[in-house]
C-alpha atoms as a PDB file:
ATOM      1  CA  MET A   1     -18.447 -29.390-187.871  1.00  0.00           C
ATOM      2  CA  GLU A   2     -21.923 -30.853-188.096  1.00  0.00           C
ATOM      3  CA  LYS A   3     -20.927 -33.647-185.766  1.00  0.00           C
ATOM      4  CA  HIS A   4     -19.427 -31.215-183.264  1.00  0.00           C
ATOM      5  CA  LEU A   5     -22.534 -29.079-183.318  1.00  0.00           C
ATOM      6  CA  ALA A   6     -24.749 -32.097-182.787  1.00  0.00           C
ATOM      7  CA  VAL A   7     -22.761 -33.191-179.725  1.00  0.00           C
ATOM      8  CA  THR A   8     -22.683 -29.732-178.189  1.00  0.00           C
ATOM      9  CA  GLY A   9     -26.396 -29.442-178.836  1.00  0.00           C
ATOM     10  CA  GLU A  10     -27.046 -32.618-176.871  1.00  0.00           C
ATOM     11  CA  VAL A  11     -24.827 -31.483-173.986  1.00  0.00           C
ATOM     12  CA  GLY A  12     -26.362 -28.069-173.766  1.00  0.00           C
ATOM     13  CA  HIS A  13     -29.920 -29.284-173.480  1.00  0.00           C
ATOM     14  CA  GLU A  14     -31.215 -31.716-170.845  1.00  0.00           C
ATOM     15  CA  GLU A  15     -33.127 -34.649-172.172  1.00  0.00           C
ATOM     16  CA  GLU A  16     -36.801 -34.508-171.255  1.00  0.00           C
ATOM     17  CA  PRO A  17     -37.984 -37.381-169.070  1.00  0.00           C
ATOM     18  CA  ARG A  18     -39.612 -40.122-171.070  1.00  0.00           C
ATOM     19  CA  GLY A  19     -43.073 -41.209-169.969  1.00  0.00           C
ATOM     20  CA  LYS A  20     -43.554 -44.808-168.872  1.00  0.00           C
ATOM     21  CA  THR A  21     -45.064 -47.153-171.374  1.00  0.00           C
ATOM     22  CA  LEU A  22     -48.092 -49.286-170.544  1.00  0.00           C
ATOM     23  CA  HIS A  23     -45.864 -52.380-170.413  1.00  0.00           C
ATOM     24  CA  GLU A  24     -43.557 -50.741-167.862  1.00  0.00           C
ATOM     25  CA  GLU A  25     -46.512 -49.606-165.710  1.00  0.00           C
ATOM     26  CA  VAL A  26     -48.060 -53.079-165.722  1.00  0.00           C
ATOM     27  CA  HIS A  27     -44.680 -54.666-164.926  1.00  0.00           C
ATOM     28  CA  GLU A  28     -44.147 -52.222-162.061  1.00  0.00           C
ATOM     29  CA  GLU A  29     -47.637 -52.908-160.649  1.00  0.00           C
ATOM     30  CA  SER A  30     -47.225 -56.691-160.945  1.00  0.00           C
ATOM     31  CA  SER A  31     -43.881 -56.615-159.127  1.00  0.00           C
ATOM     32  CA  SER A  32     -45.419 -55.247-155.926  1.00  0.00           C
ATOM     33  CA  PRO A  33     -48.155 -56.831-153.768  1.00  0.00           C
ATOM     34  CA  MET A  34     -51.632 -55.466-154.349  1.00  0.00           C
ATOM     35  CA  ILE A  35     -53.844 -55.221-151.241  1.00  0.00           C
ATOM     36  CA  SER A  36     -57.438 -54.092-151.601  1.00  0.00           C
ATOM     37  CA  LEU A  37     -59.579 -53.386-148.557  1.00  0.00           C
ATOM     38  CA  LYS A  38     -62.801 -54.059-150.423  1.00  0.00           C
ATOM     39  CA  ALA A  39     -63.731 -56.955-152.668  1.00  0.00           C
ATOM     40  CA  GLU A  40     -63.129 -56.302-156.366  1.00  0.00           C
ATOM     41  CA  PRO A  41     -66.098 -56.552-158.768  1.00  0.00           C
ATOM     42  CA  LEU A  42     -65.744 -59.039-161.630  1.00  0.00           C
ATOM     43  CA  PHE A  43     -68.997 -58.547-163.537  1.00  0.00           C
ATOM     44  CA  SER A  44     -72.536 -57.345-163.016  1.00  0.00           C
ATOM     45  CA  ILE A  45     -75.916 -59.008-163.293  1.00  0.00           C
ATOM     46  CA  GLY A  46     -78.223 -56.072-163.854  1.00  0.00           C
ATOM     47  CA  SER A  47     -77.548 -53.671-161.006  1.00  0.00           C
ATOM     48  CA  PHE A  48     -75.998 -56.425-158.838  1.00  0.00           C
ATOM     49  CA  SER A  49     -72.197 -56.454-158.827  1.00  0.00           C
ATOM     50  CA  VAL A  50     -70.603 -59.898-158.465  1.00  0.00           C
ATOM     51  CA  THR A  51     -67.316 -59.641-156.561  1.00  0.00           C
ATOM     52  CA  ASN A  52     -64.500 -62.152-156.183  1.00  0.00           C
ATOM     53  CA  SER A  53     -65.528 -62.837-152.564  1.00  0.00           C
ATOM     54  CA  ILE A  54     -69.027 -63.804-153.741  1.00  0.00           C
ATOM     55  CA  VAL A  55     -67.484 -66.212-156.260  1.00  0.00           C
ATOM     56  CA  LEU A  56     -65.504 -68.050-153.554  1.00  0.00           C
ATOM     57  CA  ALA A  57     -68.525 -68.024-151.220  1.00  0.00           C
ATOM     58  CA  PHE A  58     -70.517 -69.720-154.000  1.00  0.00           C
ATOM     59  CA  VAL A  59     -67.693 -72.255-154.445  1.00  0.00           C
ATOM     60  CA  THR A  60     -67.848 -72.932-150.687  1.00  0.00           C
ATOM     61  CA  LEU A  61     -71.590 -73.535-150.974  1.00  0.00           C
ATOM     62  CA  LEU A  62     -71.039 -75.995-153.826  1.00  0.00           C
ATOM     63  CA  VAL A  63     -68.331 -77.842-151.880  1.00  0.00           C
ATOM     64  CA  LEU A  64     -70.484 -78.229-148.757  1.00  0.00           C
ATOM     65  CA  CYS A  65     -73.563 -79.271-150.751  1.00  0.00           C
ATOM     66  CA  SER A  66     -71.530 -81.823-152.734  1.00  0.00           C
ATOM     67  CA  ILE A  67     -70.066 -83.337-149.559  1.00  0.00           C
ATOM     68  CA  GLY A  68     -73.506 -83.452-147.939  1.00  0.00           C
ATOM     69  CA  LEU A  69     -75.147 -85.164-150.926  1.00  0.00           C
ATOM     70  CA  ALA A  70     -72.284 -87.641-151.266  1.00  0.00           C
ATOM     71  CA  PHE A  71     -72.452 -88.439-147.559  1.00  0.00           C
ATOM     72  CA  LYS A  72     -76.228 -88.890-147.697  1.00  0.00           C
ATOM     73  CA  LYS A  73     -75.914 -91.531-150.416  1.00  0.00           C
ATOM     74  CA  LYS A  74     -73.321 -93.532-148.479  1.00  0.00           C
ATOM     75  CA  VAL A  75     -75.046 -93.564-145.078  1.00  0.00           C
ATOM     76  CA  SER A  76     -75.482 -97.122-143.842  1.00  0.00           C
ATOM     77  CA  LEU A  77     -76.270 -99.001-140.631  1.00  0.00           C
ATOM     78  CA  ILE A  78     -72.694-100.320-140.584  1.00  0.00           C
ATOM     79  CA  PRO A  79     -70.635 -97.130-140.854  1.00  0.00           C
ATOM     80  CA  LYS A  80     -67.433 -97.022-142.857  1.00  0.00           C
ATOM     81  CA  LEU A  81     -64.434 -94.835-142.092  1.00  0.00           C
ATOM     82  CA  PHE A  82     -65.779 -91.531-143.428  1.00  0.00           C
ATOM     83  CA  GLN A  83     -69.203 -91.998-141.827  1.00  0.00           C
ATOM     84  CA  SER A  84     -67.551 -92.931-138.523  1.00  0.00           C
ATOM     85  CA  LEU A  85     -65.438 -89.754-138.581  1.00  0.00           C
ATOM     86  CA  VAL A  86     -68.507 -87.626-139.305  1.00  0.00           C
ATOM     87  CA  GLU A  87     -70.481 -89.269-136.504  1.00  0.00           C
ATOM     88  CA  VAL A  88     -67.624 -88.689-134.053  1.00  0.00           C
ATOM     89  CA  ALA A  89     -67.429 -85.024-135.099  1.00  0.00           C
ATOM     90  CA  VAL A  90     -71.193 -84.522-134.759  1.00  0.00           C
ATOM     91  CA  GLU A  91     -71.251 -86.245-131.369  1.00  0.00           C
ATOM     92  CA  GLY A  92     -68.407 -84.031-130.152  1.00  0.00           C
ATOM     93  CA  PHE A  93     -70.235 -80.946-131.410  1.00  0.00           C
ATOM     94  CA  LEU A  94     -73.411 -82.039-129.617  1.00  0.00           C
ATOM     95  CA  LYS A  95     -71.518 -82.559-126.358  1.00  0.00           C
ATOM     96  CA  ILE A  96     -70.181 -79.008-126.562  1.00  0.00           C
ATOM     97  CA  MET A  97     -73.710 -77.742-127.165  1.00  0.00           C
ATOM     98  CA  ASP A  98     -74.992 -79.850-124.253  1.00  0.00           C
ATOM     99  CA  SER A  99     -72.581 -78.063-121.926  1.00  0.00           C
ATOM    100  CA  VAL A 100     -74.158 -74.741-122.921  1.00  0.00           C
ATOM    101  CA  LEU A 101     -77.823 -75.656-123.383  1.00  0.00           C
ATOM    102  CA  GLY A 102     -77.979 -78.429-120.784  1.00  0.00           C
ATOM    103  CA  ASP A 103     -80.356 -80.545-122.859  1.00  0.00           C
ATOM    104  CA  ARG A 104     -79.621 -82.987-125.703  1.00  0.00           C
ATOM    105  CA  ASN A 105     -83.008 -82.307-127.331  1.00  0.00           C
ATOM    106  CA  LYS A 106     -82.242 -78.591-127.500  1.00  0.00           C
ATOM    107  CA  SER A 107     -78.762 -79.321-128.824  1.00  0.00           C
ATOM    108  CA  GLU A 108     -80.162 -81.431-131.661  1.00  0.00           C
ATOM    109  CA  LYS A 109     -82.773 -78.760-132.379  1.00  0.00           C
ATOM    110  CA  TYR A 110     -80.267 -75.906-132.804  1.00  0.00           C
ATOM    111  CA  LEU A 111     -77.427 -77.993-134.271  1.00  0.00           C
ATOM    112  CA  PRO A 112     -78.304 -77.192-137.929  1.00  0.00           C
ATOM    113  CA  LEU A 113     -77.996 -73.424-137.408  1.00  0.00           C
ATOM    114  CA  VAL A 114     -74.832 -73.477-135.295  1.00  0.00           C
ATOM    115  CA  ALA A 115     -73.082 -76.201-137.318  1.00  0.00           C
ATOM    116  CA  THR A 116     -73.929 -74.548-140.643  1.00  0.00           C
ATOM    117  CA  ILE A 117     -72.409 -71.260-139.504  1.00  0.00           C
ATOM    118  CA  PHE A 118     -69.316 -73.070-138.238  1.00  0.00           C
ATOM    119  CA  PHE A 119     -68.646 -75.201-141.310  1.00  0.00           C
ATOM    120  CA  PHE A 120     -69.462 -72.476-143.830  1.00  0.00           C
ATOM    121  CA  ILE A 121     -67.076 -69.975-142.230  1.00  0.00           C
ATOM    122  CA  MET A 122     -64.339 -72.561-141.648  1.00  0.00           C
ATOM    123  CA  VAL A 123     -64.424 -74.018-145.173  1.00  0.00           C
ATOM    124  CA  SER A 124     -64.547 -70.563-146.772  1.00  0.00           C
ATOM    125  CA  ASN A 125     -61.553 -69.489-144.663  1.00  0.00           C
ATOM    126  CA  TRP A 126     -59.583 -72.567-145.673  1.00  0.00           C
ATOM    127  CA  LEU A 127     -60.475 -72.241-149.353  1.00  0.00           C
ATOM    128  CA  GLY A 128     -59.154 -68.687-149.205  1.00  0.00           C
ATOM    129  CA  LEU A 129     -55.705 -70.105-148.353  1.00  0.00           C
ATOM    130  CA  LEU A 130     -55.457 -72.408-151.380  1.00  0.00           C
ATOM    131  CA  PRO A 131     -52.824 -71.692-154.061  1.00  0.00           C
ATOM    132  CA  GLY A 132     -54.269 -69.515-156.803  1.00  0.00           C
ATOM    133  CA  VAL A 133     -56.588 -67.514-154.559  1.00  0.00           C
ATOM    134  CA  GLY A 134     -55.427 -63.944-155.027  1.00  0.00           C
ATOM    135  CA  SER A 135     -52.997 -64.817-157.821  1.00  0.00           C
ATOM    136  CA  ILE A 136     -55.329 -66.152-160.526  1.00  0.00           C
ATOM    137  CA  GLY A 137     -57.203 -63.273-162.058  1.00  0.00           C
ATOM    138  CA  VAL A 138     -58.180 -61.271-165.101  1.00  0.00           C
ATOM    139  CA  ASN A 139     -57.351 -57.798-166.377  1.00  0.00           C
ATOM    140  CA  ILE A 140     -60.385 -55.532-166.157  1.00  0.00           C
ATOM    141  CA  ILE A 141     -60.563 -52.003-167.544  1.00  0.00           C
ATOM    142  CA  HIS A 142     -61.841 -49.699-164.801  1.00  0.00           C
ATOM    143  CA  GLU A 143     -62.077 -45.920-165.285  1.00  0.00           C
ATOM    144  CA  GLY A 144     -59.814 -46.087-168.323  1.00  0.00           C
ATOM    145  CA  HIS A 145     -57.100 -48.143-166.583  1.00  0.00           C
ATOM    146  CA  GLU A 146     -56.459 -51.836-166.992  1.00  0.00           C
ATOM    147  CA  THR A 147     -56.052 -53.423-163.569  1.00  0.00           C
ATOM    148  CA  PHE A 148     -55.430 -56.991-162.441  1.00  0.00           C
ATOM    149  CA  THR A 149     -58.405 -58.393-160.496  1.00  0.00           C
ATOM    150  CA  PRO A 150     -58.192 -61.739-158.661  1.00  0.00           C
ATOM    151  CA  VAL A 151     -61.005 -64.157-159.464  1.00  0.00           C
ATOM    152  CA  PHE A 152     -61.129 -65.503-155.900  1.00  0.00           C
ATOM    153  CA  ARG A 153     -60.943 -63.800-152.525  1.00  0.00           C
ATOM    154  CA  ALA A 154     -61.582 -65.165-149.024  1.00  0.00           C
ATOM    155  CA  PRO A 155     -65.247 -64.284-148.279  1.00  0.00           C
ATOM    156  CA  ALA A 156     -64.499 -63.310-144.665  1.00  0.00           C
ATOM    157  CA  ALA A 157     -61.934 -60.790-145.968  1.00  0.00           C
ATOM    158  CA  ASP A 158     -64.930 -58.873-147.332  1.00  0.00           C
ATOM    159  CA  LEU A 159     -66.833 -56.855-144.714  1.00  0.00           C
ATOM    160  CA  ASN A 160     -70.095 -57.278-146.641  1.00  0.00           C
ATOM    161  CA  PHE A 161     -69.887 -61.050-146.173  1.00  0.00           C
ATOM    162  CA  THR A 162     -69.203 -60.898-142.432  1.00  0.00           C
ATOM    163  CA  ILE A 163     -72.011 -58.387-141.879  1.00  0.00           C
ATOM    164  CA  ALA A 164     -74.421 -60.640-143.783  1.00  0.00           C
ATOM    165  CA  ILE A 165     -73.421 -63.693-141.700  1.00  0.00           C
ATOM    166  CA  ALA A 166     -73.709 -61.630-138.495  1.00  0.00           C
ATOM    167  CA  ILE A 167     -77.201 -60.422-139.431  1.00  0.00           C
ATOM    168  CA  LEU A 168     -78.310 -63.990-140.149  1.00  0.00           C
ATOM    169  CA  ALA A 169     -76.862 -65.202-136.837  1.00  0.00           C
ATOM    170  CA  VAL A 170     -78.528 -62.475-134.742  1.00  0.00           C
ATOM    171  CA  PHE A 171     -81.802 -62.885-136.636  1.00  0.00           C
ATOM    172  CA  GLY A 172     -81.621 -66.655-136.042  1.00  0.00           C
ATOM    173  CA  VAL A 173     -81.012 -66.085-132.322  1.00  0.00           C
ATOM    174  CA  ASN A 174     -84.072 -63.870-131.934  1.00  0.00           C
ATOM    175  CA  LEU A 175     -86.208 -66.145-134.102  1.00  0.00           C
ATOM    176  CA  SER A 176     -85.199 -69.079-131.902  1.00  0.00           C
ATOM    177  CA  GLY A 177     -86.283 -67.087-128.857  1.00  0.00           C
ATOM    178  CA  VAL A 178     -89.647 -66.279-130.418  1.00  0.00           C
ATOM    179  CA  PHE A 179     -90.327 -69.932-131.284  1.00  0.00           C
ATOM    180  CA  ALA A 180     -89.157 -71.167-127.873  1.00  0.00           C
ATOM    181  CA  ILE A 181     -91.014 -68.839-125.475  1.00  0.00           C
ATOM    182  CA  GLY A 182     -93.346 -66.820-127.696  1.00  0.00           C
ATOM    183  CA  PHE A 183     -93.229 -63.466-129.440  1.00  0.00           C
ATOM    184  CA  PHE A 184     -94.430 -61.274-126.579  1.00  0.00           C
ATOM    185  CA  LYS A 185     -92.385 -63.007-123.871  1.00  0.00           C
ATOM    186  CA  HIS A 186     -89.247 -62.723-125.958  1.00  0.00           C
ATOM    187  CA  PHE A 187     -89.577 -59.033-126.760  1.00  0.00           C
ATOM    188  CA  LYS A 188     -90.757 -58.331-123.228  1.00  0.00           C
ATOM    189  CA  LYS A 189     -87.070 -58.713-122.338  1.00  0.00           C
ATOM    190  CA  PHE A 190     -86.388 -55.533-124.302  1.00  0.00           C
ATOM    191  CA  PHE A 191     -89.553 -53.503-123.751  1.00  0.00           C
ATOM    192  CA  THR A 192     -91.095 -53.505-120.297  1.00  0.00           C
ATOM    193  CA  LEU A 193     -92.847 -50.942-118.143  1.00  0.00           C
ATOM    194  CA  LYS A 194     -92.289 -52.591-114.734  1.00  0.00           C
ATOM    195  CA  ASN A 195     -90.160 -49.730-113.525  1.00  0.00           C
ATOM    196  CA  PRO A 196     -87.827 -47.116-115.087  1.00  0.00           C
ATOM    197  CA  ILE A 197     -84.698 -49.180-114.377  1.00  0.00           C
ATOM    198  CA  TYR A 198     -86.026 -52.274-116.162  1.00  0.00           C
ATOM    199  CA  THR A 199     -87.207 -50.081-119.032  1.00  0.00           C
ATOM    200  CA  PHE A 200     -83.769 -48.498-119.439  1.00  0.00           C
ATOM    201  CA  VAL A 201     -81.960 -51.834-119.167  1.00  0.00           C
ATOM    202  CA  GLY A 202     -84.337 -53.390-121.706  1.00  0.00           C
ATOM    203  CA  ILE A 203     -83.649 -50.613-124.209  1.00  0.00           C
ATOM    204  CA  LEU A 204     -79.911 -51.153-123.715  1.00  0.00           C
ATOM    205  CA  GLU A 205     -80.411 -54.876-124.322  1.00  0.00           C
ATOM    206  CA  PHE A 206     -82.307 -54.093-127.524  1.00  0.00           C
ATOM    207  CA  PHE A 207     -79.518 -51.915-128.883  1.00  0.00           C
ATOM    208  CA  SER A 208     -76.987 -54.548-127.827  1.00  0.00           C
ATOM    209  CA  GLU A 209     -78.509 -56.803-130.499  1.00  0.00           C
ATOM    210  CA  PHE A 210     -77.205 -54.366-133.100  1.00  0.00           C
ATOM    211  CA  ALA A 211     -73.885 -54.203-131.262  1.00  0.00           C
ATOM    212  CA  LYS A 212     -73.644 -57.979-131.669  1.00  0.00           C
ATOM    213  CA  ILE A 213     -73.802 -57.537-135.440  1.00  0.00           C
ATOM    214  CA  VAL A 214     -70.929 -55.046-135.348  1.00  0.00           C
ATOM    215  CA  SER A 215     -68.892 -57.225-132.979  1.00  0.00           C
ATOM    216  CA  PHE A 216     -69.494 -60.410-134.984  1.00  0.00           C
ATOM    217  CA  SER A 217     -68.679 -58.874-138.350  1.00  0.00           C
ATOM    218  CA  PHE A 218     -65.622 -56.788-137.478  1.00  0.00           C
ATOM    219  CA  ARG A 219     -63.992 -59.531-135.371  1.00  0.00           C
ATOM    220  CA  LEU A 220     -64.196 -62.057-138.190  1.00  0.00           C
ATOM    221  CA  PHE A 221     -63.285 -59.561-140.920  1.00  0.00           C
ATOM    222  CA  GLY A 222     -60.335 -58.117-138.989  1.00  0.00           C
ATOM    223  CA  ASN A 223     -58.725 -61.477-138.246  1.00  0.00           C
ATOM    224  CA  ILE A 224     -59.124 -62.966-141.720  1.00  0.00           C
ATOM    225  CA  PHE A 225     -58.143 -59.802-143.597  1.00  0.00           C
ATOM    226  CA  ALA A 226     -55.102 -59.292-141.364  1.00  0.00           C
ATOM    227  CA  GLY A 227     -54.016 -62.862-142.016  1.00  0.00           C
ATOM    228  CA  GLU A 228     -54.450 -62.377-145.748  1.00  0.00           C
ATOM    229  CA  VAL A 229     -52.295 -59.234-145.666  1.00  0.00           C
ATOM    230  CA  LEU A 230     -49.668 -61.049-143.576  1.00  0.00           C
ATOM    231  CA  LEU A 231     -49.389 -63.894-146.083  1.00  0.00           C
ATOM    232  CA  ILE A 232     -49.140 -61.475-149.015  1.00  0.00           C
ATOM    233  CA  ILE A 233     -46.378 -59.423-147.408  1.00  0.00           C
ATOM    234  CA  VAL A 234     -44.364 -62.422-146.177  1.00  0.00           C
ATOM    235  CA  GLY A 235     -44.769 -64.184-149.529  1.00  0.00           C
ATOM    236  CA  PHE A 236     -43.569 -61.074-151.358  1.00  0.00           C
ATOM    237  CA  LEU A 237     -40.522 -60.502-149.132  1.00  0.00           C
ATOM    238  CA  VAL A 238     -39.448 -64.136-148.639  1.00  0.00           C
ATOM    239  CA  PRO A 239     -41.327 -66.301-151.168  1.00  0.00           C
ATOM    240  CA  TYR A 240     -39.866 -69.708-150.234  1.00  0.00           C
ATOM    241  CA  VAL A 241     -40.262 -71.893-147.107  1.00  0.00           C
ATOM    242  CA  VAL A 242     -40.659 -68.958-144.676  1.00  0.00           C
ATOM    243  CA  PRO A 243     -44.402 -68.408-145.418  1.00  0.00           C
ATOM    244  CA  LEU A 244     -45.238 -72.038-144.454  1.00  0.00           C
ATOM    245  CA  PRO A 245     -45.420 -71.452-140.653  1.00  0.00           C
ATOM    246  CA  PHE A 246     -47.620 -68.417-141.264  1.00  0.00           C
ATOM    247  CA  LEU A 247     -49.828 -70.524-143.547  1.00  0.00           C
ATOM    248  CA  MET A 248     -50.229 -73.136-140.795  1.00  0.00           C
ATOM    249  CA  LEU A 249     -51.083 -70.333-138.384  1.00  0.00           C
ATOM    250  CA  GLU A 250     -53.791 -69.016-140.712  1.00  0.00           C
ATOM    251  CA  ILE A 251     -55.292 -72.502-141.041  1.00  0.00           C
ATOM    252  CA  PHE A 252     -55.601 -72.581-137.263  1.00  0.00           C
ATOM    253  CA  VAL A 253     -56.972 -69.021-137.168  1.00  0.00           C
ATOM    254  CA  GLY A 254     -59.568 -69.908-139.808  1.00  0.00           C
ATOM    255  CA  PHE A 255     -60.783 -72.767-137.618  1.00  0.00           C
ATOM    256  CA  ILE A 256     -60.730 -70.748-134.370  1.00  0.00           C
ATOM    257  CA  GLN A 257     -62.628 -67.801-135.838  1.00  0.00           C
ATOM    258  CA  ALA A 258     -65.353 -70.106-137.169  1.00  0.00           C
ATOM    259  CA  PHE A 259     -65.534 -71.863-133.796  1.00  0.00           C
ATOM    260  CA  ILE A 260     -65.780 -68.565-131.862  1.00  0.00           C
ATOM    261  CA  PHE A 261     -68.503 -67.264-134.195  1.00  0.00           C
ATOM    262  CA  ALA A 262     -70.522 -70.469-133.809  1.00  0.00           C
ATOM    263  CA  MET A 263     -70.064 -70.669-130.034  1.00  0.00           C
ATOM    264  CA  LEU A 264     -71.114 -67.054-129.505  1.00  0.00           C
ATOM    265  CA  THR A 265     -74.208 -67.746-131.582  1.00  0.00           C
ATOM    266  CA  LEU A 266     -74.901 -70.772-129.374  1.00  0.00           C
ATOM    267  CA  VAL A 267     -74.474 -68.761-126.165  1.00  0.00           C
ATOM    268  CA  PHE A 268     -76.854 -66.083-127.423  1.00  0.00           C
ATOM    269  CA  ILE A 269     -79.397 -68.763-128.375  1.00  0.00           C
ATOM    270  CA  ALA A 270     -79.141 -70.201-124.858  1.00  0.00           C
ATOM    271  CA  GLY A 271     -80.017 -66.797-123.450  1.00  0.00           C
ATOM    272  CA  ALA A 272     -82.805 -66.131-125.933  1.00  0.00           C
ATOM    273  CA  ILE A 273     -84.765 -69.354-125.337  1.00  0.00           C
ATOM    274  CA  VAL A 274     -84.969 -68.845-121.568  1.00  0.00           C
ATOM    275  CA  GLU A 275     -87.881 -66.899-120.131  1.00  0.00           C
ATOM    276  CA  GLU A 276     -87.190 -63.742-118.164  1.00  0.00           C
ATOM    277  CA  ALA A 277     -86.413 -64.489-114.519  1.00  0.00           C
ATOM    278  CA  HIS A 278     -88.894 -63.120-112.006  1.00  0.00           C
END
């Protein structure tokens, strides 16, 4: 009788849904791709939050500085293979700059700025494609929930990084113009009282400098972040072999985006160092 009553009691009452355990929630979260629009903070230094994109940007800086110091020690009058490749690359870069600036002296003068922007963006984009970026991370408790946070993230997939690079590029362009033709002649392009039309056009040109920052930053961020999302989705759906063509595509995109950013900076420098036509 007791057994019969126990069975009928179980049939007559629906079992209440059991809440998910922490292990099940973590397993469910880890089984699906996690895409974050903003860079995730890892730790703080005072009021400054260090994100995973800053960490990889710092790694990029270390890589470029290490290569530069190693190359400096091995420079010789009789170049070896690595030095020959670097010299060929620099000469090709200078020829491209000559076609825009029209003067080898000017090309050599502005090479450090343009080349630094190019190599820093390209290397950071390529480092963001290495195995482990996005998958190696730590569990951080945020607002009472333990979440997985990647240690590395492509810097250009963080809008803060691209805005900072864009500000430096536009500031460098205007500073180059000031040093080349003088402070007053440079800003006379933006503020003039010759006639109302020139005044209006100059004000538009001034605000276009801020538009360059928006254009620079969002173009680079959009392309790199979209590529990162593409690789995550394709890798989650078909994890073997199929992602390789997309990976090759993103390597090419990382190079092209760095090249476009550097070339636009060069074109703007070419316009800034020329005096206003009469």
